[in-house]
Amino acid sequence: MAFALLLFHKKKRSWFYRTSIFMPIVVPASLICLLFTWMLADNFGIINKLLINIGLSRFTHNWLTDAKTARWWVIIVSIWGKVGFSTILFLSGIQSISQDMFEAAEIDGAVGWKKLFYIIIPNLSETFVVTGIWAILQCLKLFVTPNVLTKGGPGNATLVLYQTIYNEAFLNFEMGYASSIAFVLTALVMVFSLINLKMSRREN
């Protein structure tokens, strides 16, 4: 919602914010992950090179081969890749609020944070639910980002359900076990998809 508010209020340089937020929607996820793989590389990565050039070489790190930092980078890249769609949902919700409500609130002295808490957030309650369920679905279906960035490693630090299914089926040839996980995952996705569909229709 923060990005939606930024785009709603910021008129100057809005092209920069829109490009930063919506680029992952247009660019394939695998290409974005390859870009981050290059940026985070141990020896020739741009992030480590930048740290060295500005005299902060002690902060250089093996970003994708250390379990703790690898998890964080998978989370960061995954969130950035999905934030554009949720921003669209919130932005459309904010823009659908009647301008008369904002004007009446300003007359009553509700400005700044008061306008946010008493007008915007209450009117976006269903959008929060829909976006939350959609985010859960994206977490359940996550595959490309950890697979390209770390392949589930180091160890199993960034292993997700889809990768587990793939590994068990095509690397360990445990088709029965992989099918069981896939069945449970499919059931979860269907349940949350139905809830999301119901909430979307209700919001419309």
Protein backbone atom coordinates (compact mmCIF):
# COMPACT_ATOMS: atom_id res chain seq x y z
CA MET A 1 0.00 0.00 0.00
CA ALA A 2 2.93 2.32 0.67
CA PHE A 3 3.94 2.26 -3.00
CA ALA A 4 0.35 2.91 -4.07
CA LEU A 5 0.20 5.96 -1.79
CA LEU A 6 3.53 7.14 -3.19
CA LEU A 7 2.24 6.93 -6.76
CA PHE A 8 -1.08 8.52 -5.76
CA HIS A 9 0.50 11.59 -4.19
CA LYS A 10 3.78 11.99 -6.08
CA LYS A 11 3.22 13.77 -9.37
CA LYS A 12 6.83 14.80 -9.95
CA ARG A 13 9.15 11.98 -11.08
CA SER A 14 6.20 9.59 -11.06
CA TRP A 15 7.69 7.93 -14.16
CA PHE A 16 10.71 6.84 -12.08
CA TYR A 17 8.57 5.31 -9.32
CA ARG A 18 6.26 3.63 -11.82
CA THR A 19 9.17 2.16 -13.77
CA SER A 20 10.85 0.85 -10.60
CA ILE A 21 7.66 -0.74 -9.30
CA PHE A 22 6.11 -2.06 -12.50
CA MET A 23 9.24 -3.22 -14.37
CA PRO A 24 9.13 -6.74 -12.82
CA ILE A 25 5.63 -7.20 -14.28
CA VAL A 26 6.91 -6.62 -17.82
CA VAL A 27 10.34 -8.27 -17.58
CA PRO A 28 10.39 -12.09 -17.21
CA ALA A 29 11.16 -13.28 -13.67
CA SER A 30 14.00 -15.51 -14.87
CA LEU A 31 15.72 -12.53 -16.51
CA ILE A 32 15.43 -10.44 -13.34
CA CYS A 33 16.87 -13.31 -11.30
CA LEU A 34 19.79 -13.68 -13.73
CA LEU A 35 20.44 -9.95 -13.36
CA PHE A 36 20.57 -10.28 -9.56
CA THR A 37 22.77 -13.38 -9.86
CA TRP A 38 25.27 -11.27 -11.80
CA MET A 39 24.99 -8.35 -9.35
CA LEU A 40 25.51 -10.60 -6.31
CA ALA A 41 28.33 -12.75 -7.72
CA ASP A 42 31.25 -13.24 -5.33
CA ASN A 43 34.15 -12.20 -7.57
CA PHE A 44 32.73 -9.96 -10.30
CA GLY A 45 29.39 -8.90 -8.80
CA ILE A 46 28.59 -5.21 -9.05
CA ILE A 47 27.60 -4.95 -5.37
CA ASN A 48 30.93 -6.24 -4.07
CA LYS A 49 32.79 -4.14 -6.66
CA LEU A 50 30.91 -1.04 -5.53
CA LEU A 51 31.70 -1.73 -1.87
CA ILE A 52 35.39 -2.10 -2.71
CA ASN A 53 35.44 1.09 -4.80
CA ILE A 54 33.94 3.21 -2.00
CA GLY A 55 36.35 1.81 0.60
CA LEU A 56 33.96 -0.62 2.29
CA SER A 57 35.67 -3.83 1.23
CA ARG A 58 35.15 -5.30 4.71
CA PHE A 59 31.43 -5.50 3.90
CA THR A 60 31.88 -7.61 0.77
CA HIS A 61 30.18 -10.95 1.12
CA ASN A 62 29.37 -14.22 -0.59
CA TRP A 63 25.74 -13.13 -0.85
CA LEU A 64 24.25 -16.23 -2.48
CA THR A 65 26.45 -18.89 -0.92
CA ASP A 66 25.81 -17.90 2.70
CA ALA A 67 22.54 -19.33 4.03
CA LYS A 68 21.44 -16.21 5.93
CA THR A 69 22.05 -13.68 3.17
CA ALA A 70 20.82 -16.06 0.46
CA ARG A 71 17.43 -16.32 2.20
CA TRP A 72 17.16 -12.56 2.45
CA TRP A 73 18.01 -12.01 -1.19
CA VAL A 74 15.48 -14.61 -2.32
CA ILE A 75 12.86 -12.81 -0.21
CA ILE A 76 13.85 -9.35 -1.51
CA VAL A 77 13.86 -10.37 -5.18
CA SER A 78 10.59 -12.29 -4.77
CA ILE A 79 8.84 -9.33 -3.12
CA TRP A 80 10.12 -6.87 -5.72
CA GLY A 81 8.91 -9.18 -8.47
CA LYS A 82 5.37 -9.26 -7.06
CA VAL A 83 4.98 -5.77 -5.59
CA GLY A 84 3.85 -4.25 -8.90
CA PHE A 85 0.61 -6.23 -9.06
CA SER A 86 -0.34 -5.54 -5.44
CA THR A 87 0.46 -1.86 -6.02
CA ILE A 88 -2.00 -1.82 -8.93
CA LEU A 89 -4.71 -3.29 -6.67
CA PHE A 90 -4.15 -0.72 -3.93
CA LEU A 91 -3.77 2.18 -6.35
CA SER A 92 -7.05 1.35 -8.09
CA GLY A 93 -8.68 1.05 -4.66
CA ILE A 94 -7.42 4.48 -3.58
CA GLN A 95 -8.46 6.08 -6.86
CA SER A 96 -11.96 4.61 -6.51
CA ILE A 97 -12.53 6.50 -3.24
CA SER A 98 -14.79 9.47 -3.88
CA GLN A 99 -12.99 12.80 -3.98
CA ASP A 100 -15.91 14.25 -2.02
CA MET A 101 -14.86 12.14 0.97
CA PHE A 102 -11.37 13.63 0.91
CA GLU A 103 -12.71 17.16 0.57
CA ALA A 104 -15.19 16.66 3.41
CA ALA A 105 -12.43 15.22 5.59
CA GLU A 106 -10.20 18.23 4.93
CA ILE A 107 -13.04 20.58 5.89
CA ASP A 108 -13.42 18.65 9.17
CA GLY A 109 -9.68 18.95 9.80
CA ALA A 110 -8.68 15.40 8.84
CA VAL A 111 -5.38 15.77 6.98
CA GLY A 112 -2.21 13.71 6.65
CA TRP A 113 -2.24 10.62 8.84
CA LYS A 114 -5.86 11.15 9.89
CA LYS A 115 -6.95 10.97 6.26
CA LEU A 116 -4.98 7.73 5.89
CA PHE A 117 -6.36 6.02 9.00
CA TYR A 118 -9.96 7.25 8.83
CA ILE A 119 -10.64 7.26 5.09
CA ILE A 120 -8.14 5.35 2.99
CA ILE A 121 -7.48 2.24 5.12
CA PRO A 122 -11.17 1.59 6.04
CA ASN A 123 -12.12 1.81 2.35
CA LEU A 124 -9.38 -0.64 1.41
CA SER A 125 -10.27 -3.38 3.90
CA GLU A 126 -11.37 -5.85 1.21
CA THR A 127 -8.36 -4.97 -0.93
CA PHE A 128 -6.13 -5.91 2.00
CA VAL A 129 -7.84 -9.31 2.23
CA VAL A 130 -7.63 -9.98 -1.52
CA THR A 131 -3.99 -8.91 -1.67
CA GLY A 132 -3.13 -10.97 1.41
CA ILE A 133 -4.64 -14.13 -0.07
CA TRP A 134 -2.95 -13.42 -3.41
CA ALA A 135 0.39 -13.04 -1.59
CA ILE A 136 -0.10 -16.43 0.10
CA LEU A 137 -0.78 -17.99 -3.30
CA GLN A 138 2.41 -16.47 -4.70
CA CYS A 139 4.41 -17.87 -1.78
CA LEU A 140 2.98 -21.34 -2.37
CA LYS A 141 3.77 -21.14 -6.10
CA LEU A 142 7.27 -19.69 -5.67
CA PHE A 143 9.80 -21.50 -7.85
CA VAL A 144 11.67 -19.37 -10.40
CA THR A 145 13.40 -16.98 -7.99
CA PRO A 146 15.05 -19.51 -5.63
CA ASN A 147 15.71 -21.91 -8.49
CA VAL A 148 17.62 -19.37 -10.59
CA LEU A 149 19.31 -17.51 -7.72
CA THR A 150 20.40 -20.38 -5.48
CA LYS A 151 18.85 -23.63 -6.78
CA GLY A 152 17.52 -24.14 -3.26
CA GLY A 153 20.91 -23.81 -1.63
CA PRO A 154 23.22 -23.42 0.07
CA GLY A 155 22.23 -26.78 1.44
CA ASN A 156 18.45 -26.56 1.59
CA ALA A 157 18.39 -23.02 2.99
CA THR A 158 16.19 -21.60 0.23
CA LEU A 159 14.37 -24.76 -0.82
CA VAL A 160 10.66 -24.20 -1.51
CA LEU A 161 7.77 -26.61 -2.11
CA TYR A 162 7.89 -26.53 -5.90
CA GLN A 163 11.63 -27.24 -5.87
CA THR A 164 11.07 -30.10 -3.44
CA ILE A 165 8.54 -31.63 -5.82
CA TYR A 166 10.91 -31.19 -8.76
CA ASN A 167 13.90 -32.66 -6.89
CA GLU A 168 11.97 -35.65 -5.57
CA ALA A 169 10.38 -36.42 -8.93
CA PHE A 170 13.22 -35.83 -11.40
CA LEU A 171 16.41 -36.10 -9.33
CA ASN A 172 15.54 -38.71 -6.68
CA PHE A 173 12.87 -40.43 -8.80
CA GLU A 174 10.53 -40.64 -5.81
CA MET A 175 7.40 -40.15 -7.89
CA GLY A 176 5.00 -41.25 -5.14
CA TYR A 177 6.40 -38.82 -2.58
CA ALA A 178 6.54 -36.00 -5.14
CA SER A 179 2.93 -36.69 -6.16
CA SER A 180 1.80 -36.54 -2.53
CA ILE A 181 3.44 -33.14 -2.00
CA ALA A 182 2.02 -31.90 -5.32
CA PHE A 183 -1.49 -33.03 -4.33
CA VAL A 184 -1.34 -31.19 -1.00
CA LEU A 185 0.09 -28.08 -2.68
CA THR A 186 -2.60 -28.15 -5.38
CA ALA A 187 -5.32 -28.47 -2.74
CA LEU A 188 -3.94 -25.48 -0.82
CA VAL A 189 -3.69 -23.39 -3.99
CA MET A 190 -7.27 -24.28 -4.95
CA VAL A 191 -8.63 -23.35 -1.52
CA PHE A 192 -6.89 -19.98 -1.46
CA SER A 193 -7.79 -19.36 -5.12
CA LEU A 194 -11.48 -19.91 -4.38
CA ILE A 195 -11.31 -17.59 -1.38
CA ASN A 196 -9.52 -15.00 -3.48
CA LEU A 197 -12.11 -15.32 -6.27
CA LYS A 198 -14.97 -14.91 -3.80
CA MET A 199 -13.40 -11.84 -2.20
CA SER A 200 -12.63 -10.32 -5.62
CA ARG A 201 -16.25 -10.68 -6.70
CA ARG A 202 -17.41 -9.22 -3.42
CA GLU A 203 -15.09 -6.23 -3.85
CA ASN A 204 -16.35 -5.63 -7.39
